[in-house]
C-alpha atoms as a PDB file:
ATOM      1  CA  UNK A   1       0.111  -0.042  -0.066  1.00  0.00           C
ATOM      2  CA  UNK A   2       1.410   3.396  -0.686  1.00  0.00           C
ATOM      3  CA  UNK A   3       2.172   5.883   1.829  1.00  0.00           C
ATOM      4  CA  UNK A   4      -0.103   8.261   0.335  1.00  0.00           C
ATOM      5  CA  UNK A   5      -3.127   5.722   0.522  1.00  0.00           C
ATOM      6  CA  UNK A   6      -2.315   5.008   4.219  1.00  0.00           C
ATOM      7  CA  UNK A   7      -2.332   8.722   4.611  1.00  0.00           C
ATOM      8  CA  UNK A   8      -6.103   9.260   3.072  1.00  0.00           C
ATOM      9  CA  UNK A   9      -7.169   6.366   5.469  1.00  0.00           C
ATOM     10  CA  UNK A  10      -5.697   7.805   8.593  1.00  0.00           C
ATOM     11  CA  UNK A  11      -7.162  11.029   7.830  1.00  0.00           C
ATOM     12  CA  UNK A  12     -10.258   9.753   7.281  1.00  0.00           C
ATOM     13  CA  UNK A  13     -10.212   7.430  10.648  1.00  0.00           C
ATOM     14  CA  UNK A  14      -9.120  11.026  12.673  1.00  0.00           C
ATOM     15  CA  UNK A  15     -12.923  11.425  13.078  1.00  0.00           C
ATOM     16  CA  UNK A  16     -14.831   9.442  16.135  1.00  0.00           C
ATOM     17  CA  UNK A  17     -17.660   9.275  14.342  1.00  0.00           C
ATOM     18  CA  UNK A  18     -15.992   7.538  11.561  1.00  0.00           C
ATOM     19  CA  UNK A  19     -13.977   5.193  13.693  1.00  0.00           C
ATOM     20  CA  UNK A  20     -17.577   4.562  15.184  1.00  0.00           C
ATOM     21  CA  UNK A  21     -19.009   3.720  11.981  1.00  0.00           C
ATOM     22  CA  UNK A  22     -16.302   1.374  11.315  1.00  0.00           C
ATOM     23  CA  UNK A  23     -16.315  -0.414  14.379  1.00  0.00           C
ATOM     24  CA  UNK A  24     -20.111  -1.044  13.419  1.00  0.00           C
ATOM     25  CA  UNK A  25     -19.232  -2.070   9.627  1.00  0.00           C
ATOM     26  CA  UNK A  26     -16.840  -4.858  11.207  1.00  0.00           C
ATOM     27  CA  UNK A  27     -19.958  -6.446  12.469  1.00  0.00           C
ATOM     28  CA  UNK A  28     -21.428  -6.613   8.728  1.00  0.00           C
ATOM     29  CA  UNK A  29     -23.084  -4.858   5.823  1.00  0.00           C
ATOM     30  CA  UNK A  30     -25.661  -2.114   7.452  1.00  0.00           C
ATOM     31  CA  UNK A  31     -28.152   0.285   5.700  1.00  0.00           C
ATOM     32  CA  UNK A  32     -27.434   3.749   6.248  1.00  0.00           C
ATOM     33  CA  UNK A  33     -30.775   3.969   8.263  1.00  0.00           C
ATOM     34  CA  UNK A  34     -29.387   1.799  10.664  1.00  0.00           C
ATOM     35  CA  UNK A  35     -25.840   3.842  10.875  1.00  0.00           C
ATOM     36  CA  UNK A  36     -27.741   7.269  11.397  1.00  0.00           C
ATOM     37  CA  UNK A  37     -29.925   5.790  13.855  1.00  0.00           C
ATOM     38  CA  UNK A  38     -26.652   5.018  16.075  1.00  0.00           C
ATOM     39  CA  UNK A  39     -25.721   8.818  16.089  1.00  0.00           C
ATOM     40  CA  UNK A  40     -27.091  12.093  17.092  1.00  0.00           C
ATOM     41  CA  UNK A  41     -26.358  13.231  13.662  1.00  0.00           C
ATOM     42  CA  UNK A  42     -28.107  14.665  10.475  1.00  0.00           C
ATOM     43  CA  UNK A  43     -28.542  12.725   7.350  1.00  0.00           C
ATOM     44  CA  UNK A  44     -26.390  14.929   5.180  1.00  0.00           C
ATOM     45  CA  UNK A  45     -23.887  14.691   7.975  1.00  0.00           C
ATOM     46  CA  UNK A  46     -23.847  10.754   7.706  1.00  0.00           C
ATOM     47  CA  UNK A  47     -23.407  11.473   4.041  1.00  0.00           C
ATOM     48  CA  UNK A  48     -20.586  13.140   4.230  1.00  0.00           C
ATOM     49  CA  UNK A  49     -18.874  10.668   6.581  1.00  0.00           C
ATOM     50  CA  UNK A  50     -19.978   7.569   4.195  1.00  0.00           C
ATOM     51  CA  UNK A  51     -18.256  10.091   1.132  1.00  0.00           C
ATOM     52  CA  UNK A  52     -15.042  10.290   2.913  1.00  0.00           C
ATOM     53  CA  UNK A  53     -14.879   6.595   4.138  1.00  0.00           C
ATOM     54  CA  UNK A  54     -15.835   5.454   0.677  1.00  0.00           C
ATOM     55  CA  UNK A  55     -13.670   7.854  -1.287  1.00  0.00           C
ATOM     56  CA  UNK A  56     -10.495   6.272   0.403  1.00  0.00           C
ATOM     57  CA  UNK A  57     -11.846   2.549  -0.508  1.00  0.00           C
ATOM     58  CA  UNK A  58     -12.190   1.945   3.040  1.00  0.00           C
ATOM     59  CA  UNK A  59     -15.966   1.231   2.755  1.00  0.00           C
ATOM     60  CA  UNK A  60     -18.190  -0.041  -0.052  1.00  0.00           C
ATOM     61  CA  UNK A  61     -21.552   1.235  -0.988  1.00  0.00           C
ATOM     62  CA  UNK A  62     -24.214  -0.174  -2.709  1.00  0.00           C
ATOM     63  CA  UNK A  63     -27.622   1.010  -3.642  1.00  0.00           C
ATOM     64  CA  UNK A  64     -31.146  -1.489  -3.134  1.00  0.00           C
ATOM     65  CA  UNK A  65     -34.117   0.776  -4.391  1.00  0.00           C
ATOM     66  CA  UNK A  66     -33.870   3.712  -2.417  1.00  0.00           C
ATOM     67  CA  UNK A  67     -31.536   2.783   0.418  1.00  0.00           C
ATOM     68  CA  UNK A  68     -27.662   2.389   0.804  1.00  0.00           C
ATOM     69  CA  UNK A  69     -25.901   0.060   2.196  1.00  0.00           C
ATOM     70  CA  UNK A  70     -22.126   0.055   3.336  1.00  0.00           C
ATOM     71  CA  UNK A  71     -19.814  -2.436   4.253  1.00  0.00           C
ATOM     72  CA  UNK A  72     -16.118  -2.808   4.755  1.00  0.00           C
ATOM     73  CA  UNK A  73     -13.720  -3.184   2.049  1.00  0.00           C
ATOM     74  CA  UNK A  74     -11.908  -5.926   3.151  1.00  0.00           C
ATOM     75  CA  UNK A  75      -9.337  -6.014   0.885  1.00  0.00           C
ATOM     76  CA  UNK A  76      -8.143  -2.192   1.494  1.00  0.00           C
ATOM     77  CA  UNK A  77      -8.693  -2.805   5.274  1.00  0.00           C
ATOM     78  CA  UNK A  78      -6.457  -5.476   5.321  1.00  0.00           C
ATOM     79  CA  UNK A  79      -4.002  -3.929   3.483  1.00  0.00           C
ATOM     80  CA  UNK A  80      -3.980  -1.235   5.806  1.00  0.00           C
ATOM     81  CA  UNK A  81      -3.855  -3.125   8.794  1.00  0.00           C
ATOM     82  CA  UNK A  82      -0.907  -4.846   7.013  1.00  0.00           C
ATOM     83  CA  UNK A  83       0.941  -1.540   6.623  1.00  0.00           C
ATOM     84  CA  UNK A  84       0.264  -0.159   9.992  1.00  0.00           C
ATOM     85  CA  UNK A  85       1.733  -3.160  11.419  1.00  0.00           C
ATOM     86  CA  UNK A  86       5.189  -2.826   9.386  1.00  0.00           C
ATOM     87  CA  UNK A  87       5.239   0.130  11.656  1.00  0.00           C
ATOM     88  CA  UNK A  88       7.445  -1.221  14.403  1.00  0.00           C
ATOM     89  CA  UNK A  89      10.057   0.568  16.661  1.00  0.00           C
ATOM     90  CA  UNK A  90      13.753  -0.923  15.642  1.00  0.00           C
ATOM     91  CA  UNK A  91      16.288  -1.542  18.197  1.00  0.00           C
ATOM     92  CA  UNK A  92      19.316   0.994  18.219  1.00  0.00           C
ATOM     93  CA  UNK A  93      23.081  -0.128  18.690  1.00  0.00           C
ATOM     94  CA  UNK A  94      23.568   3.221  20.941  1.00  0.00           C
ATOM     95  CA  UNK A  95      23.320   2.504  24.607  1.00  0.00           C
ATOM     96  CA  UNK A  96      20.250   0.402  23.896  1.00  0.00           C
ATOM     97  CA  UNK A  97      20.593  -3.555  25.151  1.00  0.00           C
ATOM     98  CA  UNK A  98      19.211  -5.978  22.330  1.00  0.00           C
ATOM     99  CA  UNK A  99      15.167  -6.062  21.921  1.00  0.00           C
ATOM    100  CA  UNK A 100      15.071  -3.179  23.666  1.00  0.00           C
ATOM    101  CA  UNK A 101      12.948  -0.200  21.670  1.00  0.00           C
ATOM    102  CA  UNK A 102      14.929   2.846  20.804  1.00  0.00           C
ATOM    103  CA  UNK A 103      12.197   5.073  21.210  1.00  0.00           C
ATOM    104  CA  UNK A 104      12.438   4.298  25.281  1.00  0.00           C
ATOM    105  CA  UNK A 105      14.714   6.188  27.477  1.00  0.00           C
END
């Protein structure tokens, strides 16, 4: 995953409501009306949040009649998790013992 893609997803997840939406969607596909019921926001505000999540490909959307259903984009979600897991603290040879993180003093 490119650094620019990681940054866009991180920016999308920089909002508490969007993090909560992602948590909800990890349980499976949901209608926008069910997501809206869980928040104290307006429908246009939910649409704004969902646009951000779909634009970064973290969430899929599909229309069924007048309803929109949302689900996690498993490929993007998995790639993002793998990319973030690569952020590890390496040991430093200066004044540190083996296995000790260089970020800790």
